[in-house]
Protein backbone atom coordinates (compact mmCIF):
# COMPACT_ATOMS: atom_id res chain seq x y z
CA UNK A 1 76.06 -65.92 36.90
CA UNK A 2 77.31 -65.59 33.15
CA UNK A 3 74.97 -68.76 31.86
CA UNK A 4 72.23 -67.02 33.86
CA UNK A 5 72.18 -63.61 32.59
CA UNK A 6 72.63 -64.64 28.68
CA UNK A 7 69.48 -66.36 28.99
CA UNK A 8 67.83 -63.70 30.78
CA UNK A 9 68.96 -61.40 28.34
CA UNK A 10 67.85 -63.95 25.40
CA UNK A 11 63.85 -64.15 27.18
CA UNK A 12 61.58 -62.23 24.96
CA UNK A 13 58.56 -62.66 27.43
CA UNK A 14 59.58 -61.40 31.15
CA UNK A 15 57.27 -62.46 33.38
CA UNK A 16 56.91 -59.99 36.51
CA UNK A 17 55.19 -60.84 40.08
CA UNK A 18 53.15 -57.63 41.03
CA UNK A 19 53.42 -57.20 44.98
CA UNK A 20 57.12 -56.80 46.15
CA UNK A 21 58.40 -56.66 42.56
CA UNK A 22 56.70 -53.80 40.71
CA UNK A 23 54.19 -52.43 43.11
CA UNK A 24 54.46 -51.25 46.63
CA UNK A 25 51.35 -53.45 48.02
CA UNK A 26 52.74 -52.63 51.92
CA UNK A 27 51.82 -49.25 51.63
CA UNK A 28 48.32 -49.83 50.82
CA UNK A 29 47.25 -53.56 50.85
CA UNK A 30 48.65 -53.46 54.63
CA UNK A 31 47.07 -50.62 56.52
CA UNK A 32 43.84 -52.15 54.55
CA UNK A 33 44.03 -55.47 56.69
CA UNK A 34 44.80 -54.08 59.80
CA UNK A 35 41.59 -52.14 60.05
CA UNK A 36 39.66 -55.06 58.70
CA UNK A 37 41.34 -57.01 61.03
CA UNK A 38 40.74 -55.26 64.37
CA UNK A 39 37.18 -54.44 63.25
CA UNK A 40 35.93 -58.29 61.93
CA UNK A 41 37.48 -59.89 65.27
CA UNK A 42 35.70 -57.31 67.46
CA UNK A 43 32.41 -58.03 65.39
CA UNK A 44 33.50 -61.96 66.56
CA UNK A 45 34.09 -60.96 70.15
CA UNK A 46 37.56 -60.43 70.01
CA UNK A 47 39.70 -57.93 71.26
CA UNK A 48 43.01 -58.25 69.08
CA UNK A 49 45.68 -55.84 67.72
CA UNK A 50 46.04 -56.27 64.30
CA UNK A 51 48.55 -57.98 63.02
CA UNK A 52 51.72 -55.77 62.14
CA UNK A 53 53.36 -55.18 58.68
CA UNK A 54 55.84 -58.28 59.23
CA UNK A 55 53.32 -60.71 59.60
CA UNK A 56 51.04 -59.57 56.79
CA UNK A 57 54.68 -59.47 54.54
CA UNK A 58 55.34 -63.12 55.75
CA UNK A 59 52.30 -64.19 54.16
CA UNK A 60 52.04 -61.42 50.99
CA UNK A 61 52.11 -63.49 47.84
CA UNK A 62 50.29 -66.74 48.84
CA UNK A 63 47.26 -67.14 47.11
CA UNK A 64 44.22 -65.37 48.99
CA UNK A 65 42.66 -68.40 50.19
CA UNK A 66 45.24 -68.95 51.83
CA UNK A 67 46.75 -65.52 52.68
CA UNK A 68 43.01 -64.22 54.17
CA UNK A 69 42.89 -67.80 56.51
CA UNK A 70 46.21 -67.60 58.02
CA UNK A 71 46.26 -63.85 59.14
CA UNK A 72 43.05 -64.72 61.46
CA UNK A 73 43.21 -66.42 64.61
CA UNK A 74 42.76 -70.14 64.45
CA UNK A 75 39.17 -69.68 66.23
CA UNK A 76 37.64 -67.60 63.39
CA UNK A 77 39.58 -68.84 60.44
CA UNK A 78 36.61 -70.86 59.21
CA UNK A 79 35.29 -67.23 58.37
CA UNK A 80 38.30 -66.24 56.21
CA UNK A 81 35.90 -65.97 52.78
CA UNK A 82 33.91 -63.32 54.63
CA UNK A 83 37.32 -61.61 56.16
CA UNK A 84 38.51 -61.88 52.51
CA UNK A 85 35.73 -60.05 51.18
CA UNK A 86 36.30 -57.10 53.84
CA UNK A 87 39.61 -56.48 53.15
CA UNK A 88 38.98 -56.36 49.37
CA UNK A 89 36.64 -54.01 49.89
CA UNK A 90 39.12 -51.76 51.53
CA UNK A 91 42.35 -52.78 49.69
CA UNK A 92 40.88 -51.62 46.13
CA UNK A 93 39.86 -47.98 47.74
CA UNK A 94 43.31 -47.72 49.18
CA UNK A 95 44.91 -49.10 45.61
CA UNK A 96 42.94 -46.60 43.73
CA UNK A 97 43.77 -43.47 46.15
CA UNK A 98 47.18 -43.95 46.58
CA UNK A 99 48.85 -47.32 45.04
CA UNK A 100 52.00 -46.66 43.18
CA UNK A 101 54.90 -48.59 41.46
CA UNK A 102 58.54 -49.58 43.10
CA UNK A 103 60.85 -46.30 42.24
CA UNK A 104 62.30 -47.24 38.91
CA UNK A 105 59.91 -49.83 37.68
CA UNK A 106 56.92 -48.11 35.45
CA UNK A 107 60.32 -46.64 33.16
CA UNK A 108 61.96 -49.89 33.31
CA UNK A 109 58.52 -51.55 31.99
CA UNK A 110 58.21 -48.68 29.21
CA UNK A 111 61.89 -49.06 28.07
CA UNK A 112 61.06 -52.91 27.77
CA UNK A 113 57.97 -52.39 25.67
CA UNK A 114 60.20 -50.08 23.57
CA UNK A 115 62.84 -52.44 23.20
CA UNK A 116 59.95 -55.29 21.76
CA UNK A 117 60.26 -57.26 24.63
CA UNK A 118 56.56 -59.05 25.57
CA UNK A 119 55.63 -58.45 29.20
CA UNK A 120 53.53 -60.73 30.78
CA UNK A 121 52.02 -59.92 34.80
CA UNK A 122 52.25 -63.57 36.59
CA UNK A 123 50.37 -62.82 40.79
CA UNK A 124 48.85 -64.72 43.31
CA UNK A 125 46.37 -61.65 43.72
CA UNK A 126 42.99 -61.96 42.87
CA UNK A 127 40.79 -60.48 40.13
CA UNK A 128 39.63 -57.72 42.07
CA UNK A 129 42.75 -56.48 43.74
CA UNK A 130 44.63 -56.97 40.45
CA UNK A 131 42.32 -55.09 38.26
CA UNK A 132 42.49 -52.45 40.93
CA UNK A 133 46.40 -52.25 40.78
CA UNK A 134 46.05 -52.49 37.01
CA UNK A 135 43.54 -49.36 36.49
CA UNK A 136 45.75 -47.19 39.14
CA UNK A 137 49.11 -48.02 37.46
CA UNK A 138 47.94 -48.09 33.79
CA UNK A 139 48.70 -51.55 32.69
CA UNK A 140 47.30 -51.79 29.86
CA UNK A 141 50.18 -49.24 28.57
CA UNK A 142 52.75 -51.34 30.24
CA UNK A 143 51.78 -54.99 29.83
CA UNK A 144 50.80 -57.19 27.38
CA UNK A 145 49.02 -59.90 29.58
CA UNK A 146 47.72 -60.10 33.50
CA UNK A 147 47.72 -63.95 34.54
CA UNK A 148 46.30 -63.37 38.23
CA UNK A 149 45.10 -66.59 40.49
CA UNK A 150 41.90 -67.57 39.66
CA UNK A 151 41.99 -66.22 35.99
CA UNK A 152 40.82 -69.46 33.50
CA UNK A 153 41.22 -71.87 36.93
CA UNK A 154 44.78 -70.41 36.95
CA UNK A 155 45.77 -72.05 40.50
CA UNK A 156 49.95 -72.07 40.76
CA UNK A 157 52.38 -69.69 39.27
CA UNK A 158 53.93 -72.00 36.62
CA UNK A 159 50.57 -72.54 35.37
CA UNK A 160 50.15 -68.87 34.96
CA UNK A 161 54.05 -68.76 33.24
CA UNK A 162 52.91 -71.50 31.03
CA UNK A 163 49.79 -70.17 30.10
CA UNK A 164 51.90 -66.92 29.28
CA UNK A 165 54.05 -68.77 27.12
CA UNK A 166 51.56 -70.00 24.99
CA UNK A 167 49.94 -66.86 24.66
CA UNK A 168 52.91 -64.69 24.09
CA UNK A 169 55.70 -67.17 22.87
CA UNK A 170 59.25 -67.40 24.63
CA UNK A 171 61.60 -68.04 25.49
CA UNK A 172 60.38 -66.47 29.26
CA UNK A 173 62.31 -65.29 32.10
CA UNK A 174 60.80 -64.68 35.36
CA UNK A 175 61.05 -62.26 37.80
CA UNK A 176 59.75 -61.99 41.47
CA UNK A 177 60.85 -61.41 45.04
CA UNK A 178 59.27 -64.82 46.81
CA UNK A 179 59.79 -68.81 46.84
CA UNK A 180 56.45 -69.04 45.27
CA UNK A 181 58.52 -66.97 42.35
CA UNK A 182 61.61 -68.94 42.19
CA UNK A 183 59.77 -72.48 42.21
CA UNK A 184 57.38 -71.36 39.00
CA UNK A 185 60.52 -70.35 37.30
CA UNK A 186 62.28 -73.73 38.28
CA UNK A 187 59.13 -75.99 37.52
CA UNK A 188 58.61 -74.31 33.98
CA UNK A 189 62.41 -74.43 33.24
CA UNK A 190 62.93 -70.72 32.84
CA UNK A 191 65.60 -68.38 34.50
CA UNK A 192 64.89 -66.40 37.61
CA UNK A 193 65.92 -62.97 38.74
CA UNK A 194 65.04 -62.41 42.32
CA UNK A 195 64.45 -59.18 44.07
CA UNK A 196 65.52 -58.81 47.19
CA UNK A 197 64.33 -55.44 47.87
CA UNK A 198 60.89 -57.08 47.65
CA UNK A 199 59.20 -58.96 50.85
CA UNK A 200 61.19 -62.06 50.87
CA UNK A 201 62.44 -63.73 54.50
CA UNK A 202 66.02 -63.35 54.79
CA UNK A 203 66.98 -66.78 53.61
CA UNK A 204 64.46 -66.86 51.01
CA UNK A 205 66.21 -66.14 48.01
CA UNK A 206 69.59 -67.95 48.92
CA UNK A 207 71.49 -69.37 46.44
CA UNK A 208 69.65 -67.38 43.52
CA UNK A 209 72.46 -66.28 40.79
CA UNK A 210 70.72 -63.54 40.01
CA UNK A 211 69.30 -61.83 42.92
CA UNK A 212 68.73 -57.88 42.65
CA UNK A 213 68.96 -55.54 45.24
CA UNK A 214 67.11 -52.97 43.93
CA UNK A 215 64.85 -52.20 40.51
CA UNK A 216 68.34 -50.46 38.62
CA UNK A 217 69.97 -54.14 38.84
CA UNK A 218 66.63 -55.89 37.30
CA UNK A 219 66.69 -53.00 34.61
CA UNK A 220 70.07 -53.73 34.00
CA UNK A 221 70.28 -57.20 33.45
CA UNK A 222 67.01 -57.38 31.10
CA UNK A 223 68.38 -53.97 29.13
CA UNK A 224 72.04 -54.30 29.10
């Protein structure tokens, strides 16, 4: 742990995941998806209950094309792009009305920048959703760069980290709550801070040396 912590504190670029790490997406995205699911399947002749929060959070963090396909019943998965468009419209409205940080995340970002650290968002969220979050949370004030799924052809979080380092400089650290964040850190050979307060399954972050139970842990490890 001491070796991992030393590398984290030496990092000049902090790459943060969005949903489940900085942003409480379950409060806005989940109800929007649940409402649209009921409407969408009804239009196509099915009477099904909406996916519960656990089902949505199990897929949260997946790239959009995967997420919106997998949340649908198999008979409608060929219509996933139509469903995705409907959901994003609803999610954007929710985000703009009441999206919020995890407690303590905003002050942590401000303090990191005050200490001269550079901050990048690395997320599998799509363009419209992420820019609604950015507008709501004033990411222009808090971040030095935003790297999302599909931006300039970016398809993986590892590619996003590489691009962030190329644009903003290193060394870097990745902070996130899902296996995809952990794997991206391993692929790019940057240290990883796992966030167990996010949306990961119980065993998803097993063995991570730096596993934060709260934003306070992340703050302490990054800032000392």
